[in-house]
Amino acid sequence: MIFRFSWRELWLIALFCTSFAAADVARACSICLPGDPIFDAQGAVAQQRGDLNAYVELRGWTKTSGELPHQEAEGEGGGEADHGHGEFNDSKRLRFLLAWTPIDRFTMSLNVPVAFNRIEEAETTISTNGLGDIALDVGYVLWRNRDVLPSTFVTGRAFLKTPTGDSRVVIDGTQDPHVQPGTGSWDFGFGLAATHKLEKAITYASTTYRINTQGSLDYEYGDVFLLNFVGLLPLGHATGISWLTRFTAGLEFNYRWADKDVFHGHDFDDSGGSILYVTPTLAMRIPWFAGRKVPSLRVAGQIPVTSSWLNGFQEEDPIWFVGLQVPIR
């Protein structure tokens, strides 16, 4: 039996099916990065059999929240967070991703992050740098309207994050889970994404969920749900202006919900909750390269609409990133 769906029906499937998907684990779950990391690396296209693409990205963000309870308070119910000073988190991440499509419809992606974390609490500053948690993502095109260069398609995804990053670094006699390059946990998830190309624009949506397990230092990051809507406008095609053919403007709406983190068996009240980001983007195909497979540079800023939907004391600032996509073959 062959099932046939209109693109409108496929959008409904992608948006309302219960699903789980891949995303990197950032430091505290309250600052798990919003957006769709596979879309950031590959865009709204389906790779063809034999395609191999590399992506490198630098991303940075800051946030202020309540401090974690001191570890010596473990026997007293985990202690209370200190709202008087708060915890200021200043992090950057360098991410390398390699995506390979060995057979038709099926793509594997290896995601290797390098973390640069700094936390200020009262008059104390601690920081670490190092390899983060490597993740393997897989995607399979469940449906497409044609086999070659499809204009409408739905992709199913799954991922596994491994505890490769150091998660027990001692700094000035302190082990803070929020500053560790890794989490020490095996995390996993599944998800759906859909692309539909209009006459002069491209639309994309994905819904994702990931499950985080207990990691090092008796800390468990809360599970995360992500919902993304993206509109892309190839400026040359839309305007007819030849010198704009290298540029694509985009606008994203990135929603993130996170459950509370758990520390020593107790909820960390200043973590989790909901937040919505508005994300303008601009991509440019780099000059001096001929052919279809041209490297492209992408810059974006994820601007939070409000932090008031987050739990407890949390204030998130805009997130910036710049990424370079290089088709290898």
Protein backbone atom coordinates (compact mmCIF):
# COMPACT_ATOMS: atom_id res chain seq x y z
CA MET A 1 0.00 0.00 0.00
CA ILE A 2 1.36 3.43 -0.96
CA PHE A 3 0.45 6.41 1.20
CA ARG A 4 0.27 9.80 -0.48
CA PHE A 5 0.30 13.03 1.48
CA SER A 6 -0.01 16.67 0.50
CA TRP A 7 2.72 18.97 1.79
CA ARG A 8 0.22 20.53 4.21
CA GLU A 9 -0.45 17.10 5.72
CA LEU A 10 3.27 16.48 6.02
CA TRP A 11 3.70 19.74 7.93
CA LEU A 12 1.03 18.60 10.38
CA ILE A 13 2.78 15.28 10.83
CA ALA A 14 6.11 16.99 11.50
CA LEU A 15 4.68 19.50 13.95
CA PHE A 16 2.27 17.42 15.99
CA CYS A 17 3.69 13.90 16.09
CA THR A 18 5.30 13.01 19.40
CA SER A 19 8.98 12.98 18.62
CA PHE A 20 12.51 13.01 19.93
CA ALA A 21 15.59 14.47 18.29
CA ALA A 22 19.23 15.32 18.38
CA ALA A 23 20.83 18.36 19.91
CA ASP A 24 24.04 19.03 21.75
CA VAL A 25 23.96 19.26 25.51
CA ALA A 26 25.22 22.63 26.64
CA ARG A 27 26.23 23.33 30.21
CA ALA A 28 23.22 23.64 32.52
CA CYS A 29 20.00 22.43 30.95
CA SER A 30 18.55 25.90 31.44
CA ILE A 31 21.02 27.07 28.78
CA CYS A 32 20.81 24.09 26.40
CA LEU A 33 21.29 25.71 23.05
CA PRO A 34 18.10 26.52 21.13
CA GLY A 35 17.65 25.86 17.45
CA ASP A 36 18.34 22.87 15.22
CA PRO A 37 22.05 21.90 15.02
CA ILE A 38 21.55 19.72 11.92
CA PHE A 39 19.80 22.58 10.09
CA ASP A 40 22.63 24.93 11.11
CA ALA A 41 25.16 22.57 9.56
CA GLN A 42 23.32 21.32 6.47
CA GLY A 43 20.55 23.83 5.79
CA ALA A 44 17.12 22.86 4.45
CA VAL A 45 18.43 20.41 1.85
CA ALA A 46 18.58 16.64 1.60
CA GLN A 47 22.06 15.27 0.90
CA GLN A 48 22.42 13.00 -2.11
CA ARG A 49 24.05 9.57 -2.07
CA GLY A 50 27.83 9.92 -1.72
CA ASP A 51 27.71 13.51 -0.40
CA LEU A 52 30.27 14.40 2.28
CA ASN A 53 30.05 17.80 4.00
CA ALA A 54 32.07 19.43 6.74
CA TYR A 55 30.87 22.20 9.03
CA VAL A 56 32.75 24.27 11.61
CA GLU A 57 30.99 26.73 13.91
CA LEU A 58 31.90 29.11 16.72
CA ARG A 59 29.05 30.01 19.09
CA GLY A 60 28.96 32.18 22.21
CA TRP A 61 26.44 33.02 24.91
CA THR A 62 26.09 34.50 28.40
CA LYS A 63 23.54 33.98 31.14
CA THR A 64 22.92 34.87 34.78
CA SER A 65 21.13 32.50 37.15
CA GLY A 66 21.02 31.37 40.76
CA GLU A 67 24.10 29.63 42.09
CA LEU A 68 24.17 25.90 42.56
CA PRO A 69 23.87 24.73 46.20
CA HIS A 70 27.24 24.10 47.80
CA GLN A 71 28.28 20.48 47.78
CA GLU A 72 28.80 20.44 51.55
CA ALA A 73 25.03 20.97 51.87
CA GLU A 74 24.31 17.59 50.26
CA GLY A 75 23.23 16.08 53.56
CA GLU A 76 20.84 18.98 54.13
CA GLY A 77 18.55 18.44 51.14
CA GLY A 78 20.97 19.84 48.57
CA GLY A 79 21.15 23.35 50.05
CA GLU A 80 19.69 26.58 48.70
CA ALA A 81 20.81 28.58 45.70
CA ASP A 82 22.33 31.99 46.43
CA HIS A 83 20.26 34.66 44.68
CA GLY A 84 22.26 37.46 46.30
CA HIS A 85 25.17 37.16 43.86
CA GLY A 86 24.03 34.77 41.21
CA GLU A 87 26.08 32.76 38.74
CA PHE A 88 27.28 34.45 35.55
CA ASN A 89 28.03 32.00 32.76
CA ASP A 90 30.15 33.05 29.77
CA SER A 91 30.61 30.17 27.34
CA LYS A 92 31.85 29.57 23.82
CA ARG A 93 31.82 26.41 21.77
CA LEU A 94 33.78 25.43 18.70
CA ARG A 95 31.90 22.66 16.91
CA PHE A 96 33.06 20.35 14.11
CA LEU A 97 30.49 18.30 12.21
CA LEU A 98 31.04 15.80 9.41
CA ALA A 99 27.94 14.58 7.51
CA TRP A 100 28.08 11.59 5.15
CA THR A 101 25.34 10.00 3.04
CA PRO A 102 26.60 6.49 2.21
CA ILE A 103 23.30 5.30 0.74
CA ASP A 104 20.23 7.02 -0.63
CA ARG A 105 18.06 8.74 2.03
CA PHE A 106 20.39 7.92 4.96
CA THR A 107 22.82 10.47 6.47
CA MET A 108 25.22 10.06 9.41
CA SER A 109 26.69 13.06 11.23
CA LEU A 110 29.59 13.09 13.69
CA ASN A 111 29.42 16.10 16.02
CA VAL A 112 32.63 17.03 17.90
CA PRO A 113 32.44 20.08 20.24
CA VAL A 114 35.23 21.91 22.03
CA ALA A 115 34.00 23.84 25.10
CA PHE A 116 35.29 27.09 26.57
CA ASN A 117 33.40 27.73 29.82
CA ARG A 118 33.76 30.47 32.43
CA ILE A 119 31.62 31.03 35.52
CA GLU A 120 31.69 33.96 37.94
CA GLU A 121 30.16 33.54 41.42
CA ALA A 122 30.46 36.38 43.95
CA GLU A 123 34.20 37.19 43.83
CA THR A 124 35.24 33.81 42.38
CA THR A 125 35.90 33.02 38.72
CA ILE A 126 36.47 29.50 37.44
CA SER A 127 36.98 28.33 33.86
CA THR A 128 37.76 25.22 31.83
CA ASN A 129 38.51 24.43 28.20
CA GLY A 130 38.51 21.07 26.49
CA LEU A 131 36.89 18.43 24.33
CA GLY A 132 33.15 18.17 24.93
CA ASP A 133 30.75 15.27 24.48
CA ILE A 134 30.89 13.73 20.99
CA ALA A 135 27.52 12.84 19.45
CA LEU A 136 26.43 10.69 16.53
CA ASP A 137 23.31 11.77 14.62
CA VAL A 138 21.50 9.73 11.97
CA GLY A 139 18.76 10.91 9.62
CA TYR A 140 16.53 9.09 7.16
CA VAL A 141 14.29 10.69 4.54
CA LEU A 142 10.91 9.14 5.30
CA TRP A 143 9.09 10.76 2.36
CA ARG A 144 9.97 13.01 -0.57
CA ASN A 145 8.11 14.24 -3.60
CA ARG A 146 10.87 13.17 -6.00
CA ASP A 147 14.12 11.24 -5.81
CA VAL A 148 16.48 13.91 -7.16
CA LEU A 149 16.64 17.36 -5.52
CA PRO A 150 13.25 17.02 -3.77
CA SER A 151 11.35 20.20 -3.00
CA THR A 152 9.30 18.66 -0.20
CA PHE A 153 10.51 15.97 2.18
CA VAL A 154 10.24 14.69 5.76
CA THR A 155 13.23 13.35 7.69
CA GLY A 156 13.30 11.19 10.80
CA ARG A 157 16.28 11.58 13.13
CA ALA A 158 17.95 9.91 16.09
CA PHE A 159 21.09 10.61 18.10
CA LEU A 160 23.35 9.33 20.83
CA LYS A 161 25.63 11.57 22.91
CA THR A 162 28.64 9.94 24.52
CA PRO A 163 30.43 11.04 27.75
CA THR A 164 33.76 11.85 26.07
CA GLY A 165 34.30 15.25 27.69
CA ASP A 166 36.01 15.63 31.06
CA SER A 167 33.23 15.92 33.66
CA ARG A 168 35.14 15.84 36.98
CA VAL A 169 37.60 18.73 36.69
CA VAL A 170 38.60 20.18 40.08
CA ILE A 171 39.20 23.95 40.06
CA ASP A 172 40.39 25.66 43.25
CA GLY A 173 39.11 22.69 45.24
CA THR A 174 35.65 22.89 43.63
CA GLN A 175 33.84 20.59 41.21
CA ASP A 176 31.08 22.64 39.57
CA PRO A 177 28.92 20.69 37.06
CA HIS A 178 28.16 23.86 35.10
CA VAL A 179 31.77 24.53 34.15
CA GLN A 180 32.71 20.98 33.07
CA PRO A 181 33.46 20.41 29.34
CA GLY A 182 31.34 17.23 29.46
CA THR A 183 28.37 15.94 31.43
CA GLY A 184 29.48 12.35 32.10
CA SER A 185 26.11 11.06 30.84
CA TRP A 186 24.84 8.99 27.93
CA ASP A 187 21.98 10.99 26.35
CA PHE A 188 19.74 10.14 23.42
CA GLY A 189 16.69 11.22 21.44
CA PHE A 190 14.67 11.15 18.22
CA GLY A 191 12.93 13.69 16.02
CA LEU A 192 11.27 14.87 12.81
CA ALA A 193 12.01 17.68 10.35
CA ALA A 194 10.21 18.87 7.20
CA THR A 195 11.24 21.09 4.29
CA HIS A 196 9.00 22.67 1.64
CA LYS A 197 10.32 24.88 -1.15
CA LEU A 198 8.06 27.65 -2.42
CA GLU A 199 8.47 29.57 -5.66
CA LYS A 200 10.82 32.16 -4.14
CA ALA A 201 11.44 30.93 -0.59
CA ILE A 202 12.11 27.84 1.51
CA THR A 203 10.25 26.84 4.68
CA TYR A 204 11.51 24.41 7.30
CA ALA A 205 10.28 23.11 10.65
CA SER A 206 11.53 20.59 13.20
CA THR A 207 10.31 19.28 16.50
CA THR A 208 12.80 17.63 18.83
CA TYR A 209 13.09 16.03 22.24
CA ARG A 210 16.12 14.64 24.00
CA ILE A 211 16.45 12.60 27.16
CA ASN A 212 19.38 13.36 29.47
CA THR A 213 20.48 10.74 32.00
CA GLN A 214 22.32 11.24 35.27
CA GLY A 215 25.95 12.16 34.75
CA SER A 216 28.95 12.99 36.89
CA LEU A 217 28.95 14.82 40.22
CA ASP A 218 25.43 13.50 40.97
CA TYR A 219 23.99 15.98 38.45
CA GLU A 220 21.28 15.30 35.86
CA TYR A 221 20.39 17.83 33.21
CA GLY A 222 16.67 18.13 32.51
CA ASP A 223 15.11 16.72 29.34
CA VAL A 224 14.66 19.23 26.52
CA PHE A 225 11.99 19.89 23.88
CA LEU A 226 12.81 22.10 20.90
CA LEU A 227 10.47 23.49 18.23
CA ASN A 228 11.79 25.46 15.26
CA PHE A 229 10.20 27.34 12.35
CA VAL A 230 12.48 28.71 9.62
CA GLY A 231 11.93 30.85 6.53
CA LEU A 232 14.73 31.31 3.98
CA LEU A 233 14.77 33.83 1.15
CA PRO A 234 17.43 33.49 -1.60
CA LEU A 235 17.85 37.19 -2.28
CA GLY A 236 19.00 36.99 -5.89
CA HIS A 237 16.15 34.69 -6.91
CA ALA A 238 13.57 36.76 -5.02
CA THR A 239 14.70 40.18 -6.27
CA GLY A 240 16.21 39.42 -9.68
CA ILE A 241 19.37 41.34 -8.70
CA SER A 242 22.38 39.37 -9.93
CA TRP A 243 24.93 40.44 -7.28
CA LEU A 244 22.59 39.16 -4.54
CA THR A 245 22.57 35.58 -5.86
CA ARG A 246 25.21 34.55 -3.29
CA PHE A 247 23.11 35.67 -0.33
CA THR A 248 20.25 34.00 1.53
CA ALA A 249 18.43 35.83 4.33
CA GLY A 250 16.58 33.88 6.98
CA LEU A 251 14.31 34.31 9.97
CA GLU A 252 13.84 31.62 12.61
CA PHE A 253 11.62 31.15 15.64
CA ASN A 254 13.37 28.84 18.10
CA TYR A 255 11.35 27.59 21.09
CA ARG A 256 12.93 25.62 23.92
CA TRP A 257 11.40 23.96 26.96
CA ALA A 258 13.61 22.26 29.54
CA ASP A 259 12.78 20.27 32.64
CA LYS A 260 14.54 21.22 35.88
CA ASP A 261 18.02 19.89 36.51
CA VAL A 262 18.47 17.50 39.44
CA PHE A 263 21.43 17.94 41.85
CA HIS A 264 22.05 15.38 44.61
CA GLY A 265 18.54 14.03 44.10
CA HIS A 266 16.79 17.42 44.39
CA ASP A 267 15.42 19.79 41.74
CA PHE A 268 17.58 22.82 41.02
CA ASP A 269 14.92 25.53 41.05
CA ASP A 270 16.89 28.03 38.94
CA SER A 271 16.93 25.82 35.87
CA GLY A 272 14.53 24.79 33.12
CA GLY A 273 11.38 26.47 31.85
CA SER A 274 10.43 27.90 28.45
CA ILE A 275 11.99 30.52 26.23
CA LEU A 276 11.44 31.77 22.66
CA TYR A 277 14.16 33.20 20.44
CA VAL A 278 13.81 35.25 17.24
CA THR A 279 16.80 34.53 15.01
CA PRO A 280 17.76 36.58 11.94
CA THR A 281 20.37 34.85 9.75
CA LEU A 282 22.43 35.61 6.67
CA ALA A 283 24.26 33.05 4.55
CA MET A 284 26.70 33.79 1.76
CA ARG A 285 28.22 31.45 -0.82
CA ILE A 286 31.92 32.27 -0.83
CA PRO A 287 33.25 33.80 -4.09
CA TRP A 288 36.05 32.26 -6.16
CA PHE A 289 34.47 28.79 -6.15
CA ALA A 290 32.74 27.42 -9.24
CA GLY A 291 30.15 24.65 -9.54
CA ARG A 292 27.26 23.49 -7.37
CA LYS A 293 29.30 22.56 -4.29
CA VAL A 294 30.43 25.96 -3.04
CA PRO A 295 31.47 26.68 0.58
CA SER A 296 29.12 29.02 2.43
CA LEU A 297 29.43 31.25 5.47
CA ARG A 298 26.48 31.71 7.83
CA VAL A 299 26.05 34.23 10.68
CA ALA A 300 23.13 34.50 13.08
CA GLY A 301 21.97 36.00 16.35
CA GLN A 302 19.40 34.25 18.57
CA ILE A 303 17.54 36.97 20.47
CA PRO A 304 15.41 35.90 23.47
CA VAL A 305 11.91 37.40 23.50
CA THR A 306 11.69 37.17 27.30
CA SER A 307 13.30 35.29 30.20
CA SER A 308 10.15 35.48 32.33
CA TRP A 309 9.00 31.99 31.28
CA LEU A 310 12.10 30.41 32.80
CA ASN A 311 12.02 28.86 36.28
CA GLY A 312 13.39 30.73 39.28
CA PHE A 313 16.16 33.29 38.76
CA GLN A 314 17.41 33.13 35.17
CA GLU A 315 18.28 35.85 32.67
CA GLU A 316 19.43 34.86 29.18
CA ASP A 317 21.28 37.12 26.76
CA PRO A 318 21.41 36.83 22.94
CA ILE A 319 23.39 33.96 21.41
CA TRP A 320 25.64 34.56 18.41
CA PHE A 321 27.29 32.14 16.03
CA VAL A 322 29.20 32.00 12.78
CA GLY A 323 29.55 28.80 10.77
CA LEU A 324 31.37 27.64 7.64
CA GLN A 325 29.98 24.78 5.53
CA VAL A 326 32.41 23.06 3.16
CA PRO A 327 31.15 20.42 0.67
CA ILE A 328 33.94 17.83 0.34
CA ARG A 329 32.34 15.71 -2.33
